[in-house]
PDB file of N, CA and C in Angstrom:
ATOM      1  N   MET A   1       0.834  -1.176   0.000  1.00  0.00           N
ATOM      2  CA  MET A   1       0.000   0.000   0.000  1.00  0.00           C
ATOM      3  C   MET A   1       0.884   1.246   0.000  1.00  0.00           C
ATOM      4  N   THR A   2       0.543   2.198  -0.837  1.00  0.00           N
ATOM      5  CA  THR A   2       1.275   3.452  -0.931  1.00  0.00           C
ATOM      6  C   THR A   2       0.760   4.424   0.128  1.00  0.00           C
ATOM      7  N   ALA A   3       1.680   5.102   0.780  1.00  0.00           N
ATOM      8  CA  ALA A   3       1.292   6.088   1.791  1.00  0.00           C
ATOM      9  C   ALA A   3       0.716   7.322   1.106  1.00  0.00           C
ATOM     10  N   THR A   4      -0.258   7.934   1.734  1.00  0.00           N
ATOM     11  CA  THR A   4      -0.813   9.160   1.190  1.00  0.00           C
ATOM     12  C   THR A   4       0.006  10.357   1.666  1.00  0.00           C
ATOM     13  N   VAL A   5      -0.021  11.407   0.891  1.00  0.00           N
ATOM     14  CA  VAL A   5       0.714  12.616   1.210  1.00  0.00           C
ATOM     15  C   VAL A   5      -0.302  13.731   1.431  1.00  0.00           C
ATOM     16  N   SER A   6      -0.180  14.408   2.519  1.00  0.00           N
ATOM     17  CA  SER A   6      -1.038  15.547   2.797  1.00  0.00           C
ATOM     18  C   SER A   6      -0.508  16.750   2.018  1.00  0.00           C
ATOM     19  N   ILE A   7      -1.374  17.414   1.273  1.00  0.00           N
ATOM     20  CA  ILE A   7      -0.882  18.513   0.445  1.00  0.00           C
ATOM     21  C   ILE A   7      -0.368  19.682   1.273  1.00  0.00           C
ATOM     22  N   ASP A   8      -0.804  19.797   2.521  1.00  0.00           N
ATOM     23  CA  ASP A   8      -0.288  20.890   3.342  1.00  0.00           C
ATOM     24  C   ASP A   8       1.179  20.708   3.688  1.00  0.00           C
ATOM     25  N   SER A   9       1.718  19.532   3.413  1.00  0.00           N
ATOM     26  CA  SER A   9       3.145  19.303   3.660  1.00  0.00           C
ATOM     27  C   SER A   9       3.993  19.602   2.426  1.00  0.00           C
ATOM     28  N   LEU A  10       3.382  20.017   1.334  1.00  0.00           N
ATOM     29  CA  LEU A  10       4.126  20.231   0.088  1.00  0.00           C
ATOM     30  C   LEU A  10       4.597  21.669  -0.106  1.00  0.00           C
ATOM     31  N   ILE A  11       4.054  22.605   0.648  1.00  0.00           N
ATOM     32  CA  ILE A  11       4.477  24.006   0.567  1.00  0.00           C
ATOM     33  C   ILE A  11       5.107  24.380   1.902  1.00  0.00           C
ATOM     34  N   ALA A  12       6.267  25.006   1.843  1.00  0.00           N
ATOM     35  CA  ALA A  12       6.980  25.390   3.071  1.00  0.00           C
ATOM     36  C   ALA A  12       7.353  26.862   2.995  1.00  0.00           C
ATOM     37  N   SER A  13       7.608  27.416   4.149  1.00  0.00           N
ATOM     38  CA  SER A  13       8.081  28.792   4.241  1.00  0.00           C
ATOM     39  C   SER A  13       8.907  28.906   5.501  1.00  0.00           C
ATOM     40  N   SER A  14      10.135  29.379   5.345  1.00  0.00           N
ATOM     41  CA  SER A  14      10.995  29.603   6.504  1.00  0.00           C
ATOM     42  C   SER A  14      11.876  30.811   6.190  1.00  0.00           C
ATOM     43  N   PRO A  15      12.122  31.649   7.193  1.00  0.00           N
ATOM     44  CA  PRO A  15      12.828  32.903   6.938  1.00  0.00           C
ATOM     45  C   PRO A  15      14.227  32.744   6.362  1.00  0.00           C
ATOM     46  N   ASP A  16      14.859  31.621   6.585  1.00  0.00           N
ATOM     47  CA  ASP A  16      16.238  31.437   6.129  1.00  0.00           C
ATOM     48  C   ASP A  16      16.355  30.856   4.720  1.00  0.00           C
ATOM     49  N   ILE A  17      15.228  30.561   4.075  1.00  0.00           N
ATOM     50  CA  ILE A  17      15.255  30.006   2.717  1.00  0.00           C
ATOM     51  C   ILE A  17      14.355  30.862   1.834  1.00  0.00           C
ATOM     52  N   CYS A  18      14.905  31.365   0.743  1.00  0.00           N
ATOM     53  CA  CYS A  18      14.164  32.189  -0.226  1.00  0.00           C
ATOM     54  C   CYS A  18      13.488  33.381   0.430  1.00  0.00           C
ATOM     55  N   GLY A  19      14.113  33.921   1.448  1.00  0.00           N
ATOM     56  CA  GLY A  19      13.571  35.107   2.112  1.00  0.00           C
ATOM     57  C   GLY A  19      12.226  34.897   2.762  1.00  0.00           C
ATOM     58  N   GLY A  20      11.903  33.654   3.064  1.00  0.00           N
ATOM     59  CA  GLY A  20      10.630  33.362   3.711  1.00  0.00           C
ATOM     60  C   GLY A  20       9.464  33.220   2.753  1.00  0.00           C
ATOM     61  N   ARG A  21       9.733  33.376   1.451  1.00  0.00           N
ATOM     62  CA  ARG A  21       8.645  33.234   0.474  1.00  0.00           C
ATOM     63  C   ARG A  21       8.208  31.776   0.391  1.00  0.00           C
ATOM     64  N   PRO A  22       6.912  31.531   0.170  1.00  0.00           N
ATOM     65  CA  PRO A  22       6.437  30.151   0.073  1.00  0.00           C
ATOM     66  C   PRO A  22       7.085  29.435  -1.106  1.00  0.00           C
ATOM     67  N   ARG A  23       7.439  28.197  -0.868  1.00  0.00           N
ATOM     68  CA  ARG A  23       8.159  27.412  -1.876  1.00  0.00           C
ATOM     69  C   ARG A  23       7.726  25.963  -1.792  1.00  0.00           C
ATOM     70  N   ILE A  24       8.058  25.214  -2.808  1.00  0.00           N
ATOM     71  CA  ILE A  24       7.799  23.774  -2.791  1.00  0.00           C
ATOM     72  C   ILE A  24       8.767  23.165  -1.792  1.00  0.00           C
ATOM     73  N   ASP A  25       8.219  22.462  -0.811  1.00  0.00           N
ATOM     74  CA  ASP A  25       9.038  21.909   0.263  1.00  0.00           C
ATOM     75  C   ASP A  25      10.141  21.018  -0.305  1.00  0.00           C
ATOM     76  N   GLY A  26      11.309  21.134   0.284  1.00  0.00           N
ATOM     77  CA  GLY A  26      12.458  20.348  -0.151  1.00  0.00           C
ATOM     78  C   GLY A  26      13.186  20.963  -1.338  1.00  0.00           C
ATOM     79  N   SER A  27      12.780  22.155  -1.710  1.00  0.00           N
ATOM     80  CA  SER A  27      13.422  22.819  -2.844  1.00  0.00           C
ATOM     81  C   SER A  27      13.517  24.314  -2.570  1.00  0.00           C
ATOM     82  N   ARG A  28      14.140  24.997  -3.504  1.00  0.00           N
ATOM     83  CA  ARG A  28      14.192  26.462  -3.460  1.00  0.00           C
ATOM     84  C   ARG A  28      13.322  27.043  -4.568  1.00  0.00           C
ATOM     85  N   ILE A  29      12.415  26.247  -5.081  1.00  0.00           N
ATOM     86  CA  ILE A  29      11.501  26.691  -6.133  1.00  0.00           C
ATOM     87  C   ILE A  29      10.284  27.315  -5.464  1.00  0.00           C
ATOM     88  N   THR A  30      10.135  28.630  -5.682  1.00  0.00           N
ATOM     89  CA  THR A  30       9.066  29.356  -5.009  1.00  0.00           C
ATOM     90  C   THR A  30       7.734  29.234  -5.754  1.00  0.00           C
ATOM     91  N   VAL A  31       6.678  29.492  -5.006  1.00  0.00           N
ATOM     92  CA  VAL A  31       5.350  29.556  -5.609  1.00  0.00           C
ATOM     93  C   VAL A  31       5.356  30.627  -6.696  1.00  0.00           C
ATOM     94  N   GLN A  32       6.032  31.739  -6.434  1.00  0.00           N
ATOM     95  CA  GLN A  32       6.108  32.817  -7.420  1.00  0.00           C
ATOM     96  C   GLN A  32       6.742  32.325  -8.721  1.00  0.00           C
ATOM     97  N   TYR A  33       7.799  31.551  -8.638  1.00  0.00           N
ATOM     98  CA  TYR A  33       8.445  31.011  -9.837  1.00  0.00           C
ATOM     99  C   TYR A  33       7.449  30.171 -10.633  1.00  0.00           C
ATOM    100  N   VAL A  34       6.756  29.272  -9.949  1.00  0.00           N
ATOM    101  CA  VAL A  34       5.801  28.380 -10.628  1.00  0.00           C
ATOM    102  C   VAL A  34       4.705  29.213 -11.284  1.00  0.00           C
ATOM    103  N   VAL A  35       4.156  30.171 -10.561  1.00  0.00           N
ATOM    104  CA  VAL A  35       3.089  31.008 -11.098  1.00  0.00           C
ATOM    105  C   VAL A  35       3.580  31.803 -12.308  1.00  0.00           C
ATOM    106  N   ASN A  36       4.773  32.362 -12.228  1.00  0.00           N
ATOM    107  CA  ASN A  36       5.314  33.108 -13.368  1.00  0.00           C
ATOM    108  C   ASN A  36       5.473  32.212 -14.590  1.00  0.00           C
ATOM    109  N   GLU A  37       5.920  30.999 -14.380  1.00  0.00           N
ATOM    110  CA  GLU A  37       6.069  30.059 -15.493  1.00  0.00           C
ATOM    111  C   GLU A  37       4.706  29.725 -16.106  1.00  0.00           C
ATOM    112  N   ILE A  38       3.725  29.455 -15.266  1.00  0.00           N
ATOM    113  CA  ILE A  38       2.381  29.122 -15.754  1.00  0.00           C
ATOM    114  C   ILE A  38       1.807  30.304 -16.543  1.00  0.00           C
ATOM    115  N   LYS A  39       1.957  31.520 -16.001  1.00  0.00           N
ATOM    116  CA  LYS A  39       1.454  32.718 -16.692  1.00  0.00           C
ATOM    117  C   LYS A  39       2.163  32.945 -18.017  1.00  0.00           C
ATOM    118  N   ALA A  40       3.391  32.461 -18.146  1.00  0.00           N
ATOM    119  CA  ALA A  40       4.154  32.584 -19.393  1.00  0.00           C
ATOM    120  C   ALA A  40       3.803  31.482 -20.393  1.00  0.00           C
ATOM    121  N   GLY A  41       2.890  30.594 -19.996  1.00  0.00           N
ATOM    122  CA  GLY A  41       2.455  29.542 -20.911  1.00  0.00           C
ATOM    123  C   GLY A  41       3.164  28.214 -20.760  1.00  0.00           C
ATOM    124  N   VAL A  42       4.011  28.095 -19.745  1.00  0.00           N
ATOM    125  CA  VAL A  42       4.720  26.837 -19.497  1.00  0.00           C
ATOM    126  C   VAL A  42       3.771  25.904 -18.738  1.00  0.00           C
ATOM    127  N   THR A  43       3.698  24.669 -19.154  1.00  0.00           N
ATOM    128  CA  THR A  43       2.815  23.711 -18.480  1.00  0.00           C
ATOM    129  C   THR A  43       3.511  23.128 -17.250  1.00  0.00           C
ATOM    130  N   PRO A  44       2.734  22.597 -16.312  1.00  0.00           N
ATOM    131  CA  PRO A  44       3.356  21.927 -15.168  1.00  0.00           C
ATOM    132  C   PRO A  44       4.309  20.805 -15.599  1.00  0.00           C
ATOM    133  N   GLU A  45       3.935  20.086 -16.640  1.00  0.00           N
ATOM    134  CA  GLU A  45       4.796  19.003 -17.129  1.00  0.00           C
ATOM    135  C   GLU A  45       6.117  19.547 -17.671  1.00  0.00           C
ATOM    136  N   GLU A  46       6.080  20.710 -18.322  1.00  0.00           N
ATOM    137  CA  GLU A  46       7.306  21.330 -18.825  1.00  0.00           C
ATOM    138  C   GLU A  46       8.174  21.842 -17.680  1.00  0.00           C
ATOM    139  N   ILE A  47       7.534  22.358 -16.625  1.00  0.00           N
ATOM    140  CA  ILE A  47       8.297  22.755 -15.440  1.00  0.00           C
ATOM    141  C   ILE A  47       9.015  21.537 -14.883  1.00  0.00           C
ATOM    142  N   LEU A  48       8.313  20.421 -14.811  1.00  0.00           N
ATOM    143  CA  LEU A  48       8.898  19.189 -14.292  1.00  0.00           C
ATOM    144  C   LEU A  48      10.065  18.716 -15.162  1.00  0.00           C
ATOM    145  N   GLU A  49       9.951  18.856 -16.472  1.00  0.00           N
ATOM    146  CA  GLU A  49      11.054  18.491 -17.362  1.00  0.00           C
ATOM    147  C   GLU A  49      12.298  19.322 -17.054  1.00  0.00           C
ATOM    148  N   ASP A  50      12.092  20.616 -16.775  1.00  0.00           N
ATOM    149  CA  ASP A  50      13.199  21.520 -16.491  1.00  0.00           C
ATOM    150  C   ASP A  50      13.719  21.360 -15.069  1.00  0.00           C
ATOM    151  N   LYS A  51      12.852  20.962 -14.164  1.00  0.00           N
ATOM    152  CA  LYS A  51      13.205  20.813 -12.742  1.00  0.00           C
ATOM    153  C   LYS A  51      12.792  19.410 -12.275  1.00  0.00           C
ATOM    154  N   PRO A  52      13.505  18.378 -12.729  1.00  0.00           N
ATOM    155  CA  PRO A  52      13.076  17.003 -12.455  1.00  0.00           C
ATOM    156  C   PRO A  52      13.132  16.598 -10.980  1.00  0.00           C
ATOM    157  N   HIS A  53      13.743  17.419 -10.135  1.00  0.00           N
ATOM    158  CA  HIS A  53      13.760  17.102  -8.706  1.00  0.00           C
ATOM    159  C   HIS A  53      12.412  17.426  -8.051  1.00  0.00           C
ATOM    160  N   LEU A  54      11.527  18.134  -8.781  1.00  0.00           N
ATOM    161  CA  LEU A  54      10.196  18.429  -8.267  1.00  0.00           C
ATOM    162  C   LEU A  54       9.253  17.270  -8.575  1.00  0.00           C
ATOM    163  N   THR A  55       8.039  17.400  -8.096  1.00  0.00           N
ATOM    164  CA  THR A  55       6.976  16.449  -8.444  1.00  0.00           C
ATOM    165  C   THR A  55       5.813  17.237  -9.018  1.00  0.00           C
ATOM    166  N   LEU A  56       4.990  16.563  -9.815  1.00  0.00           N
ATOM    167  CA  LEU A  56       3.792  17.231 -10.314  1.00  0.00           C
ATOM    168  C   LEU A  56       2.895  17.641  -9.157  1.00  0.00           C
ATOM    169  N   ALA A  57       2.849  16.820  -8.128  1.00  0.00           N
ATOM    170  CA  ALA A  57       2.034  17.162  -6.955  1.00  0.00           C
ATOM    171  C   ALA A  57       2.506  18.473  -6.339  1.00  0.00           C
ATOM    172  N   GLY A  58       3.805  18.664  -6.220  1.00  0.00           N
ATOM    173  CA  GLY A  58       4.341  19.898  -5.668  1.00  0.00           C
ATOM    174  C   GLY A  58       4.031  21.092  -6.547  1.00  0.00           C
ATOM    175  N   ILE A  59       4.148  20.919  -7.861  1.00  0.00           N
ATOM    176  CA  ILE A  59       3.872  22.005  -8.801  1.00  0.00           C
ATOM    177  C   ILE A  59       2.401  22.395  -8.743  1.00  0.00           C
ATOM    178  N   TYR A  60       1.520  21.404  -8.806  1.00  0.00           N
ATOM    179  CA  TYR A  60       0.088  21.692  -8.752  1.00  0.00           C
ATOM    180  C   TYR A  60      -0.318  22.255  -7.389  1.00  0.00           C
ATOM    181  N   THR A  61       0.335  21.833  -6.334  1.00  0.00           N
ATOM    182  CA  THR A  61       0.048  22.392  -5.015  1.00  0.00           C
ATOM    183  C   THR A  61       0.469  23.853  -4.957  1.00  0.00           C
ATOM    184  N   ALA A  62       1.590  24.195  -5.578  1.00  0.00           N
ATOM    185  CA  ALA A  62       2.022  25.591  -5.634  1.00  0.00           C
ATOM    186  C   ALA A  62       0.977  26.441  -6.357  1.00  0.00           C
ATOM    187  N   ILE A  63       0.420  25.909  -7.425  1.00  0.00           N
ATOM    188  CA  ILE A  63      -0.613  26.635  -8.172  1.00  0.00           C
ATOM    189  C   ILE A  63      -1.863  26.789  -7.301  1.00  0.00           C
ATOM    190  N   ALA A  64      -2.266  25.726  -6.649  1.00  0.00           N
ATOM    191  CA  ALA A  64      -3.451  25.786  -5.775  1.00  0.00           C
ATOM    192  C   ALA A  64      -3.222  26.755  -4.622  1.00  0.00           C
ATOM    193  N   TYR A  65      -2.028  26.726  -4.049  1.00  0.00           N
ATOM    194  CA  TYR A  65      -1.681  27.633  -2.944  1.00  0.00           C
ATOM    195  C   TYR A  65      -1.793  29.084  -3.415  1.00  0.00           C
ATOM    196  N   TYR A  66      -1.327  29.344  -4.615  1.00  0.00           N
ATOM    197  CA  TYR A  66      -1.426  30.696  -5.166  1.00  0.00           C
ATOM    198  C   TYR A  66      -2.885  31.129  -5.267  1.00  0.00           C
ATOM    199  N   TYR A  67      -3.723  30.308  -5.875  1.00  0.00           N
ATOM    200  CA  TYR A  67      -5.113  30.706  -6.063  1.00  0.00           C
ATOM    201  C   TYR A  67      -5.877  30.776  -4.743  1.00  0.00           C
ATOM    202  N   ALA A  68      -5.475  30.010  -3.761  1.00  0.00           N
ATOM    203  CA  ALA A  68      -6.113  30.076  -2.444  1.00  0.00           C
ATOM    204  C   ALA A  68      -5.712  31.347  -1.694  1.00  0.00           C
ATOM    205  N   ASN A  69      -4.588  31.953  -2.091  1.00  0.00           N
ATOM    206  CA  ASN A  69      -4.047  33.141  -1.413  1.00  0.00           C
ATOM    207  C   ASN A  69      -3.719  34.240  -2.407  1.00  0.00           C
ATOM    208  N   LYS A  70      -4.468  34.303  -3.498  1.00  0.00           N
ATOM    209  CA  LYS A  70      -4.129  35.146  -4.647  1.00  0.00           C
ATOM    210  C   LYS A  70      -3.925  36.618  -4.289  1.00  0.00           C
ATOM    211  N   GLU A  71      -4.838  37.212  -3.561  1.00  0.00           N
ATOM    212  CA  GLU A  71      -4.738  38.639  -3.265  1.00  0.00           C
ATOM    213  C   GLU A  71      -3.465  38.958  -2.481  1.00  0.00           C
ATOM    214  N   LEU A  72      -3.198  38.197  -1.447  1.00  0.00           N
ATOM    215  CA  LEU A  72      -1.999  38.401  -0.637  1.00  0.00           C
ATOM    216  C   LEU A  72      -0.739  38.174  -1.467  1.00  0.00           C
ATOM    217  N   LEU A  73      -0.704  37.076  -2.215  1.00  0.00           N
ATOM    218  CA  LEU A  73       0.495  36.750  -2.984  1.00  0.00           C
ATOM    219  C   LEU A  73       0.727  37.727  -4.132  1.00  0.00           C
ATOM    220  N   ASP A  74      -0.329  38.200  -4.779  1.00  0.00           N
ATOM    221  CA  ASP A  74      -0.144  39.189  -5.838  1.00  0.00           C
ATOM    222  C   ASP A  74       0.525  40.445  -5.274  1.00  0.00           C
ATOM    223  N   THR A  75       0.127  40.843  -4.079  1.00  0.00           N
ATOM    224  CA  THR A  75       0.740  41.998  -3.423  1.00  0.00           C
ATOM    225  C   THR A  75       2.208  41.719  -3.121  1.00  0.00           C
ATOM    226  N   GLU A  76       2.497  40.544  -2.540  1.00  0.00           N
ATOM    227  CA  GLU A  76       3.878  40.177  -2.219  1.00  0.00           C
ATOM    228  C   GLU A  76       4.733  40.062  -3.478  1.00  0.00           C
ATOM    229  N   PHE A  77       4.185  39.475  -4.538  1.00  0.00           N
ATOM    230  CA  PHE A  77       4.931  39.334  -5.790  1.00  0.00           C
ATOM    231  C   PHE A  77       5.268  40.706  -6.357  1.00  0.00           C
ATOM    232  N   ALA A  78       4.325  41.633  -6.321  1.00  0.00           N
ATOM    233  CA  ALA A  78       4.561  42.981  -6.846  1.00  0.00           C
ATOM    234  C   ALA A  78       5.641  43.692  -6.034  1.00  0.00           C
ATOM    235  N   GLU A  79       5.607  43.538  -4.713  1.00  0.00           N
ATOM    236  CA  GLU A  79       6.637  44.143  -3.862  1.00  0.00           C
ATOM    237  C   GLU A  79       8.010  43.556  -4.179  1.00  0.00           C
ATOM    238  N   TYR A  80       8.070  42.243  -4.347  1.00  0.00           N
ATOM    239  CA  TYR A  80       9.324  41.567  -4.670  1.00  0.00           C
ATOM    240  C   TYR A  80       9.865  42.071  -6.013  1.00  0.00           C
ATOM    241  N   ASP A  81       8.983  42.176  -7.014  1.00  0.00           N
ATOM    242  CA  ASP A  81       9.404  42.655  -8.334  1.00  0.00           C
ATOM    243  C   ASP A  81       9.921  44.093  -8.265  1.00  0.00           C
ATOM    244  N   ARG A  82       9.245  44.948  -7.486  1.00  0.00           N
ATOM    245  CA  ARG A  82       9.708  46.330  -7.328  1.00  0.00           C
ATOM    246  C   ARG A  82      11.086  46.372  -6.673  1.00  0.00           C
ATOM    247  N   GLU A  83      11.298  45.542  -5.667  1.00  0.00           N
ATOM    248  CA  GLU A  83      12.600  45.507  -4.996  1.00  0.00           C
ATOM    249  C   GLU A  83      13.685  45.021  -5.958  1.00  0.00           C
ATOM    250  N   CYS A  84      13.378  44.024  -6.763  1.00  0.00           N
ATOM    251  CA  CYS A  84      14.343  43.549  -7.759  1.00  0.00           C
ATOM    252  C   CYS A  84      14.676  44.657  -8.751  1.00  0.00           C
ATOM    253  N   ASP A  85      13.648  45.368  -9.222  1.00  0.00           N
ATOM    254  CA  ASP A  85      13.874  46.480 -10.152  1.00  0.00           C
ATOM    255  C   ASP A  85      14.739  47.555  -9.507  1.00  0.00           C
ATOM    256  N   ARG A  86      14.484  47.866  -8.242  1.00  0.00           N
ATOM    257  CA  ARG A  86      15.262  48.875  -7.527  1.00  0.00           C
ATOM    258  C   ARG A  86      16.723  48.457  -7.432  1.00  0.00           C
ATOM    259  N   LEU A  87      16.951  47.190  -7.077  1.00  0.00           N
ATOM    260  CA  LEU A  87      18.321  46.692  -6.939  1.00  0.00           C
ATOM    261  C   LEU A  87      19.047  46.677  -8.280  1.00  0.00           C
ATOM    262  N   ILE A  88      18.347  46.322  -9.343  1.00  0.00           N
ATOM    263  CA  ILE A  88      18.951  46.328 -10.681  1.00  0.00           C
ATOM    264  C   ILE A  88      19.341  47.746 -11.053  1.00  0.00           C
ATOM    265  N   ALA A  89      18.446  48.688 -10.818  1.00  0.00           N
ATOM    266  CA  ALA A  89      18.737  50.098 -11.139  1.00  0.00           C
ATOM    267  C   ALA A  89      19.917  50.601 -10.320  1.00  0.00           C
ATOM    268  N   GLU A  90      19.952  50.243  -9.056  1.00  0.00           N
ATOM    269  CA  GLU A  90      21.040  50.657  -8.184  1.00  0.00           C
ATOM    270  C   GLU A  90      22.363  50.083  -8.663  1.00  0.00           C
ATOM    271  N   TYR A  91      22.347  48.817  -9.057  1.00  0.00           N
ATOM    272  CA  TYR A  91      23.568  48.162  -9.525  1.00  0.00           C
ATOM    273  C   TYR A  91      24.054  48.770 -10.833  1.00  0.00           C
ATOM    274  N   THR A  92      23.128  49.007 -11.757  1.00  0.00           N
ATOM    275  CA  THR A  92      23.539  49.501 -13.075  1.00  0.00           C
ATOM    276  C   THR A  92      23.988  50.945 -13.053  1.00  0.00           C
ATOM    277  N   THR A  93      23.555  51.709 -12.050  1.00  0.00           N
ATOM    278  CA  THR A  93      24.020  53.098 -11.938  1.00  0.00           C
ATOM    279  C   THR A  93      25.243  53.220 -11.057  1.00  0.00           C
ATOM    280  N   GLY A  94      25.638  52.120 -10.437  1.00  0.00           N
ATOM    281  CA  GLY A  94      26.840  52.114  -9.616  1.00  0.00           C
ATOM    282  C   GLY A  94      26.682  52.693  -8.230  1.00  0.00           C
ATOM    283  N   LYS A  95      25.468  52.826  -7.768  1.00  0.00           N
ATOM    284  CA  LYS A  95      25.245  53.389  -6.425  1.00  0.00           C
ATOM    285  C   LYS A  95      25.330  52.324  -5.364  1.00  0.00           C
TER     286      LYS A  95
END
């Protein structure tokens, strides 16, 4: 008999990994990464081809986690993107 896996164990968040952003447990692949790939037209199966250490269950759980927390995560994703843009601008201007 195969053991069942609780989906709440597939998403993790800890301050010392990926800045505390939600990620697929056991990896550094964030929910944001998965969502960005899906929005770009990449299928879960294609993500798995590129990241074979993941599972389809983890990828689909990341998508479900996003939609269950969409408003909060959209805000966090936008803040993260703004910070990345700020850091890029700072680096390219030499400040």
